[in-house]
Amino acid sequence: MSAPFLHIAFGNALADPIEGAASICAWMPDEDERATVAATILGTLSPAMAELIAQDTLDHLRQGPPVAPFWNLKEEAATWAELASPAEIAVYAWVAFHALTLDRRTRFLAKAYSEAEAPS
C-alpha cells in the first residue's frame, strides 16, 4: 500500500471507520487478505452481533427468489441459475424436487440420468 493511499485510507478510518475499512479492503487485491480483515473485525463483536452482520451481508449478496416466468420457463430458470449462488440453487432444486409427485420424480430422475450418461 503506498504512503499517500495509507494516509487517505487511515484518514477516512478516523473520520468514518466504516468507510476507512471499506477503502482499505477494496484496495486489497487478494480475497484471502480481505477475508482476514473481515474475520478480524467480526471477531471484535459479540457472537450474536457478528452472526447478524454476516447474515445481513449474505442476504444482500444473494440473487433472491426466481422471478415468475412469463415467456420461456426454461430460459428464465437458466438465467436465474446463472445469477444465483450455489447454495440457492441447491435449496431451490431440493424443494422443487420434493414438490413433485412420486411419478414425476421418477421421470425426472430417469431423464437426468439419461442426460448424464449421454456423450457430450
PDB file of N, CA and C in Angstrom:
ATOM      1  N   MET A   1       0.855  -1.164   0.000  1.00  0.00           N
ATOM      2  CA  MET A   1       0.000   0.000   0.000  1.00  0.00           C
ATOM      3  C   MET A   1       0.904   1.230   0.000  1.00  0.00           C
ATOM      4  N   SER A   2       0.657   2.166  -0.913  1.00  0.00           N
ATOM      5  CA  SER A   2       1.512   3.345  -0.985  1.00  0.00           C
ATOM      6  C   SER A   2       1.212   4.289   0.170  1.00  0.00           C
ATOM      7  N   ALA A   3       2.214   5.096   0.532  1.00  0.00           N
ATOM      8  CA  ALA A   3       2.066   6.017   1.659  1.00  0.00           C
ATOM      9  C   ALA A   3       0.911   6.999   1.468  1.00  0.00           C
ATOM     10  N   PRO A   4       0.747   7.648   0.279  1.00  0.00           N
ATOM     11  CA  PRO A   4      -0.392   8.557   0.128  1.00  0.00           C
ATOM     12  C   PRO A   4      -1.723   7.837   0.310  1.00  0.00           C
ATOM     13  N   PHE A   5      -1.804   6.608  -0.222  1.00  0.00           N
ATOM     14  CA  PHE A   5      -3.049   5.875  -0.066  1.00  0.00           C
ATOM     15  C   PHE A   5      -3.306   5.545   1.400  1.00  0.00           C
ATOM     16  N   LEU A   6      -2.258   5.126   2.109  1.00  0.00           N
ATOM     17  CA  LEU A   6      -2.410   4.837   3.534  1.00  0.00           C
ATOM     18  C   LEU A   6      -2.922   6.056   4.281  1.00  0.00           C
ATOM     19  N   HIS A   7      -2.363   7.214   3.969  1.00  0.00           N
ATOM     20  CA  HIS A   7      -2.787   8.435   4.635  1.00  0.00           C
ATOM     21  C   HIS A   7      -4.272   8.695   4.385  1.00  0.00           C
ATOM     22  N   ILE A   8      -4.702   8.529   3.129  1.00  0.00           N
ATOM     23  CA  ILE A   8      -6.107   8.755   2.794  1.00  0.00           C
ATOM     24  C   ILE A   8      -6.986   7.703   3.470  1.00  0.00           C
ATOM     25  N   ALA A   9      -6.596   6.435   3.373  1.00  0.00           N
ATOM     26  CA  ALA A   9      -7.407   5.358   3.944  1.00  0.00           C
ATOM     27  C   ALA A   9      -7.528   5.500   5.448  1.00  0.00           C
ATOM     28  N   PHE A  10      -6.388   5.741   6.117  1.00  0.00           N
ATOM     29  CA  PHE A  10      -6.454   5.866   7.568  1.00  0.00           C
ATOM     30  C   PHE A  10      -7.104   7.180   7.989  1.00  0.00           C
ATOM     31  N   GLY A  11      -6.965   8.206   7.157  1.00  0.00           N
ATOM     32  CA  GLY A  11      -7.697   9.451   7.412  1.00  0.00           C
ATOM     33  C   GLY A  11      -9.186   9.196   7.345  1.00  0.00           C
ATOM     34  N   ASN A  12      -9.602   8.435   6.333  1.00  0.00           N
ATOM     35  CA  ASN A  12     -11.011   8.053   6.231  1.00  0.00           C
ATOM     36  C   ASN A  12     -11.435   7.230   7.443  1.00  0.00           C
ATOM     37  N   ALA A  13     -10.547   6.338   7.888  1.00  0.00           N
ATOM     38  CA  ALA A  13     -10.872   5.477   9.026  1.00  0.00           C
ATOM     39  C   ALA A  13     -11.101   6.296  10.289  1.00  0.00           C
ATOM     40  N   LEU A  14     -10.318   7.365  10.449  1.00  0.00           N
ATOM     41  CA  LEU A  14     -10.504   8.214  11.623  1.00  0.00           C
ATOM     42  C   LEU A  14     -11.790   9.018  11.512  1.00  0.00           C
ATOM     43  N   ALA A  15     -12.079   9.532  10.309  1.00  0.00           N
ATOM     44  CA  ALA A  15     -13.285  10.327  10.115  1.00  0.00           C
ATOM     45  C   ALA A  15     -14.529   9.441  10.103  1.00  0.00           C
ATOM     46  N   ASP A  16     -14.443   8.322   9.449  1.00  0.00           N
ATOM     47  CA  ASP A  16     -15.569   7.389   9.344  1.00  0.00           C
ATOM     48  C   ASP A  16     -14.987   5.976   9.298  1.00  0.00           C
ATOM     49  N   PRO A  17     -14.959   5.288  10.424  1.00  0.00           N
ATOM     50  CA  PRO A  17     -14.315   3.971  10.476  1.00  0.00           C
ATOM     51  C   PRO A  17     -14.851   2.976   9.444  1.00  0.00           C
ATOM     52  N   ILE A  18     -16.135   3.020   9.163  1.00  0.00           N
ATOM     53  CA  ILE A  18     -16.710   2.089   8.187  1.00  0.00           C
ATOM     54  C   ILE A  18     -16.154   2.366   6.798  1.00  0.00           C
ATOM     55  N   GLU A  19     -16.181   3.615   6.385  1.00  0.00           N
ATOM     56  CA  GLU A  19     -15.650   3.975   5.067  1.00  0.00           C
ATOM     57  C   GLU A  19     -14.147   3.707   4.992  1.00  0.00           C
ATOM     58  N   GLY A  20     -13.440   3.956   6.078  1.00  0.00           N
ATOM     59  CA  GLY A  20     -11.999   3.707   6.093  1.00  0.00           C
ATOM     60  C   GLY A  20     -11.676   2.233   5.910  1.00  0.00           C
ATOM     61  N   ALA A  21     -12.392   1.371   6.633  1.00  0.00           N
ATOM     62  CA  ALA A  21     -12.170  -0.069   6.500  1.00  0.00           C
ATOM     63  C   ALA A  21     -12.540  -0.530   5.091  1.00  0.00           C
ATOM     64  N   ALA A  22     -13.630   0.013   4.560  1.00  0.00           N
ATOM     65  CA  ALA A  22     -14.037  -0.362   3.201  1.00  0.00           C
ATOM     66  C   ALA A  22     -12.992   0.086   2.186  1.00  0.00           C
ATOM     67  N   SER A  23     -12.405   1.271   2.385  1.00  0.00           N
ATOM     68  CA  SER A  23     -11.367   1.766   1.472  1.00  0.00           C
ATOM     69  C   SER A  23     -10.142   0.855   1.489  1.00  0.00           C
ATOM     70  N   ILE A  24      -9.741   0.457   2.669  1.00  0.00           N
ATOM     71  CA  ILE A  24      -8.560  -0.401   2.801  1.00  0.00           C
ATOM     72  C   ILE A  24      -8.847  -1.770   2.171  1.00  0.00           C
ATOM     73  N   CYS A  25     -10.002  -2.365   2.474  1.00  0.00           N
ATOM     74  CA  CYS A  25     -10.327  -3.691   1.935  1.00  0.00           C
ATOM     75  C   CYS A  25     -10.510  -3.659   0.426  1.00  0.00           C
ATOM     76  N   ALA A  26     -11.113  -2.603  -0.101  1.00  0.00           N
ATOM     77  CA  ALA A  26     -11.335  -2.509  -1.545  1.00  0.00           C
ATOM     78  C   ALA A  26     -10.002  -2.469  -2.292  1.00  0.00           C
ATOM     79  N   TRP A  27      -8.979  -1.935  -1.657  1.00  0.00           N
ATOM     80  CA  TRP A  27      -7.678  -1.819  -2.306  1.00  0.00           C
ATOM     81  C   TRP A  27      -6.949  -3.148  -2.350  1.00  0.00           C
ATOM     82  N   MET A  28      -7.248  -4.043  -1.418  1.00  0.00           N
ATOM     83  CA  MET A  28      -6.538  -5.322  -1.324  1.00  0.00           C
ATOM     84  C   MET A  28      -6.975  -6.248  -2.464  1.00  0.00           C
ATOM     85  N   PRO A  29      -6.065  -6.621  -3.354  1.00  0.00           N
ATOM     86  CA  PRO A  29      -6.467  -7.487  -4.462  1.00  0.00           C
ATOM     87  C   PRO A  29      -6.682  -8.948  -4.047  1.00  0.00           C
ATOM     88  N   ASP A  30      -6.086  -9.350  -2.941  1.00  0.00           N
ATOM     89  CA  ASP A  30      -6.158 -10.748  -2.527  1.00  0.00           C
ATOM     90  C   ASP A  30      -7.389 -10.976  -1.641  1.00  0.00           C
ATOM     91  N   GLU A  31      -8.269 -11.858  -2.103  1.00  0.00           N
ATOM     92  CA  GLU A  31      -9.504 -12.125  -1.365  1.00  0.00           C
ATOM     93  C   GLU A  31      -9.225 -12.715   0.012  1.00  0.00           C
ATOM     94  N   ASP A  32      -8.174 -13.514   0.150  1.00  0.00           N
ATOM     95  CA  ASP A  32      -7.830 -14.082   1.455  1.00  0.00           C
ATOM     96  C   ASP A  32      -7.463 -12.983   2.458  1.00  0.00           C
ATOM     97  N   GLU A  33      -6.758 -11.946   1.978  1.00  0.00           N
ATOM     98  CA  GLU A  33      -6.411 -10.827   2.865  1.00  0.00           C
ATOM     99  C   GLU A  33      -7.673 -10.085   3.301  1.00  0.00           C
ATOM    100  N   ARG A  34      -8.575  -9.851   2.350  1.00  0.00           N
ATOM    101  CA  ARG A  34      -9.836  -9.168   2.710  1.00  0.00           C
ATOM    102  C   ARG A  34     -10.639 -10.014   3.686  1.00  0.00           C
ATOM    103  N   ALA A  35     -10.613 -11.336   3.497  1.00  0.00           N
ATOM    104  CA  ALA A  35     -11.326 -12.232   4.405  1.00  0.00           C
ATOM    105  C   ALA A  35     -10.727 -12.173   5.811  1.00  0.00           C
ATOM    106  N   THR A  36      -9.413 -12.077   5.897  1.00  0.00           N
ATOM    107  CA  THR A  36      -8.747 -11.981   7.193  1.00  0.00           C
ATOM    108  C   THR A  36      -9.158 -10.694   7.913  1.00  0.00           C
ATOM    109  N   VAL A  37      -9.198  -9.589   7.166  1.00  0.00           N
ATOM    110  CA  VAL A  37      -9.625  -8.314   7.762  1.00  0.00           C
ATOM    111  C   VAL A  37     -11.073  -8.423   8.231  1.00  0.00           C
ATOM    112  N   ALA A  38     -11.936  -8.985   7.384  1.00  0.00           N
ATOM    113  CA  ALA A  38     -13.354  -9.121   7.756  1.00  0.00           C
ATOM    114  C   ALA A  38     -13.510  -9.999   8.990  1.00  0.00           C
ATOM    115  N   ALA A  39     -12.774 -11.111   9.038  1.00  0.00           N
ATOM    116  CA  ALA A  39     -12.853 -12.010  10.191  1.00  0.00           C
ATOM    117  C   ALA A  39     -12.336 -11.326  11.454  1.00  0.00           C
ATOM    118  N   THR A  40     -11.271 -10.544  11.301  1.00  0.00           N
ATOM    119  CA  THR A  40     -10.725  -9.825  12.451  1.00  0.00           C
ATOM    120  C   THR A  40     -11.736  -8.825  12.989  1.00  0.00           C
ATOM    121  N   ILE A  41     -12.383  -8.102  12.080  1.00  0.00           N
ATOM    122  CA  ILE A  41     -13.394  -7.129  12.501  1.00  0.00           C
ATOM    123  C   ILE A  41     -14.569  -7.843  13.158  1.00  0.00           C
ATOM    124  N   LEU A  42     -15.068  -8.921  12.532  1.00  0.00           N
ATOM    125  CA  LEU A  42     -16.180  -9.657  13.126  1.00  0.00           C
ATOM    126  C   LEU A  42     -15.795 -10.236  14.485  1.00  0.00           C
ATOM    127  N   GLY A  43     -14.515 -10.606  14.645  1.00  0.00           N
ATOM    128  CA  GLY A  43     -14.045 -11.158  15.909  1.00  0.00           C
ATOM    129  C   GLY A  43     -14.070 -10.172  17.060  1.00  0.00           C
ATOM    130  N   THR A  44     -14.181  -8.887  16.763  1.00  0.00           N
ATOM    131  CA  THR A  44     -14.254  -7.885  17.830  1.00  0.00           C
ATOM    132  C   THR A  44     -15.677  -7.716  18.352  1.00  0.00           C
ATOM    133  N   LEU A  45     -16.640  -8.352  17.680  1.00  0.00           N
ATOM    134  CA  LEU A  45     -18.045  -8.216  18.058  1.00  0.00           C
ATOM    135  C   LEU A  45     -18.500  -9.394  18.901  1.00  0.00           C
ATOM    136  N   SER A  46     -19.634  -9.217  19.555  1.00  0.00           N
ATOM    137  CA  SER A  46     -20.229 -10.353  20.264  1.00  0.00           C
ATOM    138  C   SER A  46     -20.643 -11.383  19.217  1.00  0.00           C
ATOM    139  N   PRO A  47     -20.696 -12.657  19.587  1.00  0.00           N
ATOM    140  CA  PRO A  47     -21.103 -13.670  18.612  1.00  0.00           C
ATOM    141  C   PRO A  47     -22.462 -13.370  17.971  1.00  0.00           C
ATOM    142  N   ALA A  48     -23.404 -12.876  18.759  1.00  0.00           N
ATOM    143  CA  ALA A  48     -24.735 -12.577  18.216  1.00  0.00           C
ATOM    144  C   ALA A  48     -24.663 -11.454  17.180  1.00  0.00           C
ATOM    145  N   MET A  49     -23.886 -10.413  17.463  1.00  0.00           N
ATOM    146  CA  MET A  49     -23.770  -9.290  16.527  1.00  0.00           C
ATOM    147  C   MET A  49     -22.994  -9.712  15.282  1.00  0.00           C
ATOM    148  N   ALA A  50     -21.928 -10.494  15.455  1.00  0.00           N
ATOM    149  CA  ALA A  50     -21.154 -10.969  14.297  1.00  0.00           C
ATOM    150  C   ALA A  50     -22.042 -11.815  13.385  1.00  0.00           C
ATOM    151  N   GLU A  51     -22.866 -12.677  13.978  1.00  0.00           N
ATOM    152  CA  GLU A  51     -23.772 -13.503  13.175  1.00  0.00           C
ATOM    153  C   GLU A  51     -24.792 -12.640  12.444  1.00  0.00           C
ATOM    154  N   LEU A  52     -25.323 -11.641  13.115  1.00  0.00           N
ATOM    155  CA  LEU A  52     -26.295 -10.739  12.496  1.00  0.00           C
ATOM    156  C   LEU A  52     -25.683  -9.998  11.306  1.00  0.00           C
ATOM    157  N   ILE A  53     -24.469  -9.484  11.480  1.00  0.00           N
ATOM    158  CA  ILE A  53     -23.785  -8.762  10.408  1.00  0.00           C
ATOM    159  C   ILE A  53     -23.467  -9.705   9.244  1.00  0.00           C
ATOM    160  N   ALA A  54     -22.955 -10.874   9.547  1.00  0.00           N
ATOM    161  CA  ALA A  54     -22.607 -11.834   8.496  1.00  0.00           C
ATOM    162  C   ALA A  54     -23.856 -12.262   7.726  1.00  0.00           C
ATOM    163  N   GLN A  55     -24.939 -12.550   8.429  1.00  0.00           N
ATOM    164  CA  GLN A  55     -26.173 -12.977   7.763  1.00  0.00           C
ATOM    165  C   GLN A  55     -26.742 -11.850   6.904  1.00  0.00           C
ATOM    166  N   ASP A  56     -26.723 -10.632   7.409  1.00  0.00           N
ATOM    167  CA  ASP A  56     -27.226  -9.490   6.646  1.00  0.00           C
ATOM    168  C   ASP A  56     -26.402  -9.296   5.370  1.00  0.00           C
ATOM    169  N   THR A  57     -25.098  -9.452   5.476  1.00  0.00           N
ATOM    170  CA  THR A  57     -24.222  -9.326   4.313  1.00  0.00           C
ATOM    171  C   THR A  57     -24.533 -10.412   3.290  1.00  0.00           C
ATOM    172  N   LEU A  58     -24.681 -11.640   3.744  1.00  0.00           N
ATOM    173  CA  LEU A  58     -25.001 -12.739   2.827  1.00  0.00           C
ATOM    174  C   LEU A  58     -26.362 -12.534   2.166  1.00  0.00           C
ATOM    175  N   ASP A  59     -27.326 -12.012   2.918  1.00  0.00           N
ATOM    176  CA  ASP A  59     -28.644 -11.746   2.336  1.00  0.00           C
ATOM    177  C   ASP A  59     -28.551 -10.739   1.197  1.00  0.00           C
ATOM    178  N   HIS A  60     -27.669  -9.749   1.340  1.00  0.00           N
ATOM    179  CA  HIS A  60     -27.513  -8.748   0.284  1.00  0.00           C
ATOM    180  C   HIS A  60     -26.781  -9.297  -0.936  1.00  0.00           C
ATOM    181  N   LEU A  61     -25.985 -10.340  -0.756  1.00  0.00           N
ATOM    182  CA  LEU A  61     -25.236 -10.923  -1.865  1.00  0.00           C
ATOM    183  C   LEU A  61     -26.051 -11.945  -2.654  1.00  0.00           C
ATOM    184  N   ARG A  62     -27.134 -12.427  -2.062  1.00  0.00           N
ATOM    185  CA  ARG A  62     -27.929 -13.458  -2.726  1.00  0.00           C
ATOM    186  C   ARG A  62     -28.698 -12.896  -3.908  1.00  0.00           C
ATOM    187  N   GLN A  63     -28.984 -13.742  -4.853  1.00  0.00           N
ATOM    188  CA  GLN A  63     -29.769 -13.369  -6.020  1.00  0.00           C
ATOM    189  C   GLN A  63     -31.224 -13.156  -5.643  1.00  0.00           C
ATOM    190  N   GLY A  64     -31.720 -13.912  -4.686  1.00  0.00           N
ATOM    191  CA  GLY A  64     -33.130 -13.831  -4.331  1.00  0.00           C
ATOM    192  C   GLY A  64     -33.929 -14.896  -5.064  1.00  0.00           C
ATOM    193  N   PRO A  65     -35.220 -14.926  -4.815  1.00  0.00           N
ATOM    194  CA  PRO A  65     -36.027 -15.967  -5.441  1.00  0.00           C
ATOM    195  C   PRO A  65     -36.152 -15.756  -6.943  1.00  0.00           C
ATOM    196  N   PRO A  66     -36.407 -16.836  -7.658  1.00  0.00           N
ATOM    197  CA  PRO A  66     -36.608 -16.686  -9.102  1.00  0.00           C
ATOM    198  C   PRO A  66     -37.830 -15.820  -9.380  1.00  0.00           C
ATOM    199  N   VAL A  67     -37.791 -15.083 -10.469  1.00  0.00           N
ATOM    200  CA  VAL A  67     -38.951 -14.270 -10.846  1.00  0.00           C
ATOM    201  C   VAL A  67     -39.984 -15.174 -11.509  1.00  0.00           C
ATOM    202  N   ALA A  68     -41.231 -14.723 -11.492  1.00  0.00           N
ATOM    203  CA  ALA A  68     -42.292 -15.502 -12.136  1.00  0.00           C
ATOM    204  C   ALA A  68     -42.035 -15.550 -13.639  1.00  0.00           C
ATOM    205  N   PRO A  69     -42.043 -16.742 -14.213  1.00  0.00           N
ATOM    206  CA  PRO A  69     -41.779 -16.846 -15.649  1.00  0.00           C
ATOM    207  C   PRO A  69     -42.976 -16.359 -16.462  1.00  0.00           C
ATOM    208  N   PHE A  70     -42.709 -15.524 -17.454  1.00  0.00           N
ATOM    209  CA  PHE A  70     -43.782 -15.021 -18.304  1.00  0.00           C
ATOM    210  C   PHE A  70     -43.721 -15.600 -19.709  1.00  0.00           C
ATOM    211  N   TRP A  71     -42.511 -15.851 -20.228  1.00  0.00           N
ATOM    212  CA  TRP A  71     -42.397 -16.296 -21.612  1.00  0.00           C
ATOM    213  C   TRP A  71     -41.863 -17.713 -21.696  1.00  0.00           C
ATOM    214  N   ASN A  72     -40.591 -17.874 -21.462  1.00  0.00           N
ATOM    215  CA  ASN A  72     -39.945 -19.168 -21.649  1.00  0.00           C
ATOM    216  C   ASN A  72     -39.456 -19.652 -20.284  1.00  0.00           C
ATOM    217  N   LEU A  73     -40.170 -20.585 -19.720  1.00  0.00           N
ATOM    218  CA  LEU A  73     -39.884 -21.076 -18.372  1.00  0.00           C
ATOM    219  C   LEU A  73     -38.442 -21.557 -18.226  1.00  0.00           C
ATOM    220  N   LYS A  74     -37.982 -22.376 -19.164  1.00  0.00           N
ATOM    221  CA  LYS A  74     -36.632 -22.944 -19.068  1.00  0.00           C
ATOM    222  C   LYS A  74     -35.569 -21.851 -19.183  1.00  0.00           C
ATOM    223  N   GLU A  75     -35.754 -20.898 -20.100  1.00  0.00           N
ATOM    224  CA  GLU A  75     -34.781 -19.809 -20.280  1.00  0.00           C
ATOM    225  C   GLU A  75     -34.710 -18.911 -19.044  1.00  0.00           C
ATOM    226  N   GLU A  76     -35.859 -18.590 -18.471  1.00  0.00           N
ATOM    227  CA  GLU A  76     -35.855 -17.741 -17.271  1.00  0.00           C
ATOM    228  C   GLU A  76     -35.233 -18.469 -16.084  1.00  0.00           C
ATOM    229  N   ALA A  77     -35.488 -19.767 -15.973  1.00  0.00           N
ATOM    230  CA  ALA A  77     -34.868 -20.553 -14.894  1.00  0.00           C
ATOM    231  C   ALA A  77     -33.356 -20.595 -15.073  1.00  0.00           C
ATOM    232  N   ALA A  78     -32.898 -20.751 -16.319  1.00  0.00           N
ATOM    233  CA  ALA A  78     -31.455 -20.790 -16.601  1.00  0.00           C
ATOM    234  C   ALA A  78     -30.805 -19.453 -16.266  1.00  0.00           C
ATOM    235  N   THR A  79     -31.483 -18.356 -16.601  1.00  0.00           N
ATOM    236  CA  THR A  79     -30.950 -17.020 -16.287  1.00  0.00           C
ATOM    237  C   THR A  79     -30.831 -16.846 -14.782  1.00  0.00           C
ATOM    238  N   TRP A  80     -31.864 -17.237 -14.038  1.00  0.00           N
ATOM    239  CA  TRP A  80     -31.814 -17.114 -12.583  1.00  0.00           C
ATOM    240  C   TRP A  80     -30.666 -17.962 -12.030  1.00  0.00           C
ATOM    241  N   ALA A  81     -30.522 -19.188 -12.536  1.00  0.00           N
ATOM    242  CA  ALA A  81     -29.487 -20.081 -12.021  1.00  0.00           C
ATOM    243  C   ALA A  81     -28.080 -19.550 -12.284  1.00  0.00           C
ATOM    244  N   GLU A  82     -27.889 -18.810 -13.381  1.00  0.00           N
ATOM    245  CA  GLU A  82     -26.581 -18.204 -13.657  1.00  0.00           C
ATOM    246  C   GLU A  82     -26.229 -17.153 -12.619  1.00  0.00           C
ATOM    247  N   LEU A  83     -27.237 -16.489 -12.069  1.00  0.00           N
ATOM    248  CA  LEU A  83     -27.009 -15.397 -11.123  1.00  0.00           C
ATOM    249  C   LEU A  83     -27.052 -15.838  -9.663  1.00  0.00           C
ATOM    250  N   ALA A  84     -27.699 -16.956  -9.395  1.00  0.00           N
ATOM    251  CA  ALA A  84     -27.884 -17.416  -8.024  1.00  0.00           C
ATOM    252  C   ALA A  84     -26.607 -18.047  -7.475  1.00  0.00           C
ATOM    253  N   SER A  85     -26.519 -18.055  -6.157  1.00  0.00           N
ATOM    254  CA  SER A  85     -25.383 -18.707  -5.505  1.00  0.00           C
ATOM    255  C   SER A  85     -25.581 -20.223  -5.551  1.00  0.00           C
ATOM    256  N   PRO A  86     -24.494 -20.987  -5.417  1.00  0.00           N
ATOM    257  CA  PRO A  86     -24.641 -22.452  -5.386  1.00  0.00           C
ATOM    258  C   PRO A  86     -25.590 -22.916  -4.279  1.00  0.00           C
ATOM    259  N   ALA A  87     -25.572 -22.250  -3.138  1.00  0.00           N
ATOM    260  CA  ALA A  87     -26.470 -22.639  -2.042  1.00  0.00           C
ATOM    261  C   ALA A  87     -27.928 -22.404  -2.418  1.00  0.00           C
ATOM    262  N   GLU A  88     -28.211 -21.277  -3.070  1.00  0.00           N
ATOM    263  CA  GLU A  88     -29.591 -21.009  -3.501  1.00  0.00           C
ATOM    264  C   GLU A  88     -30.065 -22.049  -4.505  1.00  0.00           C
ATOM    265  N   ILE A  89     -29.210 -22.372  -5.456  1.00  0.00           N
ATOM    266  CA  ILE A  89     -29.575 -23.362  -6.471  1.00  0.00           C
ATOM    267  C   ILE A  89     -29.880 -24.700  -5.801  1.00  0.00           C
ATOM    268  N   ALA A  90     -29.035 -25.116  -4.875  1.00  0.00           N
ATOM    269  CA  ALA A  90     -29.232 -26.402  -4.190  1.00  0.00           C
ATOM    270  C   ALA A  90     -30.542 -26.417  -3.401  1.00  0.00           C
ATOM    271  N   VAL A  91     -30.827 -25.338  -2.700  1.00  0.00           N
ATOM    272  CA  VAL A  91     -32.049 -25.295  -1.892  1.00  0.00           C
ATOM    273  C   VAL A  91     -33.289 -25.305  -2.782  1.00  0.00           C
ATOM    274  N   TYR A  92     -33.299 -24.460  -3.825  1.00  0.00           N
ATOM    275  CA  TYR A  92     -34.455 -24.452  -4.722  1.00  0.00           C
ATOM    276  C   TYR A  92     -34.624 -25.792  -5.432  1.00  0.00           C
ATOM    277  N   ALA A  93     -33.522 -26.420  -5.854  1.00  0.00           N
ATOM    278  CA  ALA A  93     -33.610 -27.718  -6.522  1.00  0.00           C
ATOM    279  C   ALA A  93     -34.191 -28.767  -5.573  1.00  0.00           C
ATOM    280  N   TRP A  94     -33.705 -28.768  -4.343  1.00  0.00           N
ATOM    281  CA  TRP A  94     -34.180 -29.737  -3.355  1.00  0.00           C
ATOM    282  C   TRP A  94     -35.671 -29.567  -3.099  1.00  0.00           C
ATOM    283  N   VAL A  95     -36.103 -28.343  -2.872  1.00  0.00           N
ATOM    284  CA  VAL A  95     -37.513 -28.077  -2.575  1.00  0.00           C
ATOM    285  C   VAL A  95     -38.383 -28.378  -3.790  1.00  0.00           C
ATOM    286  N   ALA A  96     -37.926 -27.959  -4.980  1.00  0.00           N
ATOM    287  CA  ALA A  96     -38.695 -28.219  -6.195  1.00  0.00           C
ATOM    288  C   ALA A  96     -38.823 -29.721  -6.442  1.00  0.00           C
ATOM    289  N   PHE A  97     -37.736 -30.452  -6.271  1.00  0.00           N
ATOM    290  CA  PHE A  97     -37.761 -31.898  -6.470  1.00  0.00           C
ATOM    291  C   PHE A  97     -38.777 -32.552  -5.534  1.00  0.00           C
ATOM    292  N   HIS A  98     -38.765 -32.135  -4.278  1.00  0.00           N
ATOM    293  CA  HIS A  98     -39.673 -32.745  -3.300  1.00  0.00           C
ATOM    294  C   HIS A  98     -41.112 -32.260  -3.450  1.00  0.00           C
ATOM    295  N   ALA A  99     -41.334 -31.228  -4.237  1.00  0.00           N
ATOM    296  CA  ALA A  99     -42.694 -30.781  -4.521  1.00  0.00           C
ATOM    297  C   ALA A  99     -43.333 -31.616  -5.636  1.00  0.00           C
ATOM    298  N   LEU A 100     -42.518 -32.367  -6.368  1.00  0.00           N
ATOM    299  CA  LEU A 100     -43.031 -33.218  -7.444  1.00  0.00           C
ATOM    300  C   LEU A 100     -43.722 -34.448  -6.866  1.00  0.00           C
ATOM    301  N   THR A 101     -44.693 -34.970  -7.613  1.00  0.00           N
ATOM    302  CA  THR A 101     -45.302 -36.241  -7.220  1.00  0.00           C
ATOM    303  C   THR A 101     -44.251 -37.336  -7.400  1.00  0.00           C
ATOM    304  N   LEU A 102     -44.498 -38.489  -6.816  1.00  0.00           N
ATOM    305  CA  LEU A 102     -43.552 -39.592  -6.922  1.00  0.00           C
ATOM    306  C   LEU A 102     -43.341 -39.988  -8.382  1.00  0.00           C
ATOM    307  N   ASP A 103     -44.410 -40.028  -9.166  1.00  0.00           N
ATOM    308  CA  ASP A 103     -44.295 -40.369 -10.581  1.00  0.00           C
ATOM    309  C   ASP A 103     -43.421 -39.348 -11.323  1.00  0.00           C
ATOM    310  N   ARG A 104     -43.628 -38.076 -11.065  1.00  0.00           N
ATOM    311  CA  ARG A 104     -42.833 -37.046 -11.753  1.00  0.00           C
ATOM    312  C   ARG A 104     -41.383 -37.067 -11.283  1.00  0.00           C
ATOM    313  N   ARG A 105     -41.145 -37.373 -10.011  1.00  0.00           N
ATOM    314  CA  ARG A 105     -39.765 -37.507  -9.529  1.00  0.00           C
ATOM    315  C   ARG A 105     -39.053 -38.625 -10.274  1.00  0.00           C
ATOM    316  N   THR A 106     -39.743 -39.752 -10.435  1.00  0.00           N
ATOM    317  CA  THR A 106     -39.166 -40.902 -11.123  1.00  0.00           C
ATOM    318  C   THR A 106     -38.819 -40.536 -12.559  1.00  0.00           C
ATOM    319  N   ARG A 107     -39.740 -39.868 -13.262  1.00  0.00           N
ATOM    320  CA  ARG A 107     -39.479 -39.467 -14.644  1.00  0.00           C
ATOM    321  C   ARG A 107     -38.357 -38.430 -14.720  1.00  0.00           C
ATOM    322  N   PHE A 108     -38.328 -37.526 -13.753  1.00  0.00           N
ATOM    323  CA  PHE A 108     -37.278 -36.503 -13.712  1.00  0.00           C
ATOM    324  C   PHE A 108     -35.908 -37.159 -13.553  1.00  0.00           C
ATOM    325  N   LEU A 109     -35.801 -38.083 -12.603  1.00  0.00           N
ATOM    326  CA  LEU A 109     -34.523 -38.757 -12.369  1.00  0.00           C
ATOM    327  C   LEU A 109     -34.103 -39.599 -13.569  1.00  0.00           C
ATOM    328  N   ALA A 110     -35.055 -40.257 -14.214  1.00  0.00           N
ATOM    329  CA  ALA A 110     -34.729 -41.058 -15.406  1.00  0.00           C
ATOM    330  C   ALA A 110     -34.157 -40.154 -16.492  1.00  0.00           C
ATOM    331  N   LYS A 111     -34.761 -39.006 -16.711  1.00  0.00           N
ATOM    332  CA  LYS A 111     -34.266 -38.070 -17.723  1.00  0.00           C
ATOM    333  C   LYS A 111     -32.889 -37.513 -17.321  1.00  0.00           C
ATOM    334  N   ALA A 112     -32.722 -37.166 -16.050  1.00  0.00           N
ATOM    335  CA  ALA A 112     -31.443 -36.627 -15.574  1.00  0.00           C
ATOM    336  C   ALA A 112     -30.336 -37.655 -15.741  1.00  0.00           C
ATOM    337  N   TYR A 113     -30.612 -38.913 -15.397  1.00  0.00           N
ATOM    338  CA  TYR A 113     -29.608 -39.959 -15.541  1.00  0.00           C
ATOM    339  C   TYR A 113     -29.262 -40.213 -17.007  1.00  0.00           C
ATOM    340  N   SER A 114     -30.283 -40.216 -17.876  1.00  0.00           N
ATOM    341  CA  SER A 114     -30.007 -40.459 -19.300  1.00  0.00           C
ATOM    342  C   SER A 114     -29.191 -39.315 -19.894  1.00  0.00           C
ATOM    343  N   GLU A 115     -29.446 -38.084 -19.476  1.00  0.00           N
ATOM    344  CA  GLU A 115     -28.645 -36.959 -19.977  1.00  0.00           C
ATOM    345  C   GLU A 115     -27.235 -36.994 -19.419  1.00  0.00           C
ATOM    346  N   ALA A 116     -27.080 -37.451 -18.187  1.00  0.00           N
ATOM    347  CA  ALA A 116     -25.757 -37.537 -17.570  1.00  0.00           C
ATOM    348  C   ALA A 116     -24.892 -38.602 -18.249  1.00  0.00           C
ATOM    349  N   GLU A 117     -25.543 -39.659 -18.720  1.00  0.00           N
ATOM    350  CA  GLU A 117     -24.811 -40.760 -19.354  1.00  0.00           C
ATOM    351  C   GLU A 117     -24.561 -40.511 -20.838  1.00  0.00           C
ATOM    352  N   ALA A 118     -25.333 -39.587 -21.428  1.00  0.00           N
ATOM    353  CA  ALA A 118     -25.193 -39.316 -22.876  1.00  0.00           C
ATOM    354  C   ALA A 118     -23.865 -38.603 -23.136  1.00  0.00           C
ATOM    355  N   PRO A 119     -23.201 -38.990 -24.248  1.00  0.00           N
ATOM    356  CA  PRO A 119     -21.933 -38.299 -24.583  1.00  0.00           C
ATOM    357  C   PRO A 119     -22.202 -36.838 -24.940  1.00  0.00           C
ATOM    358  N   SER A 120     -21.282 -35.969 -24.570  1.00  0.00           N
ATOM    359  CA  SER A 120     -21.470 -34.540 -24.845  1.00  0.00           C
ATOM    360  C   SER A 120     -21.027 -34.164 -26.221  1.00  0.00           C
TER     361      SER A 120
END
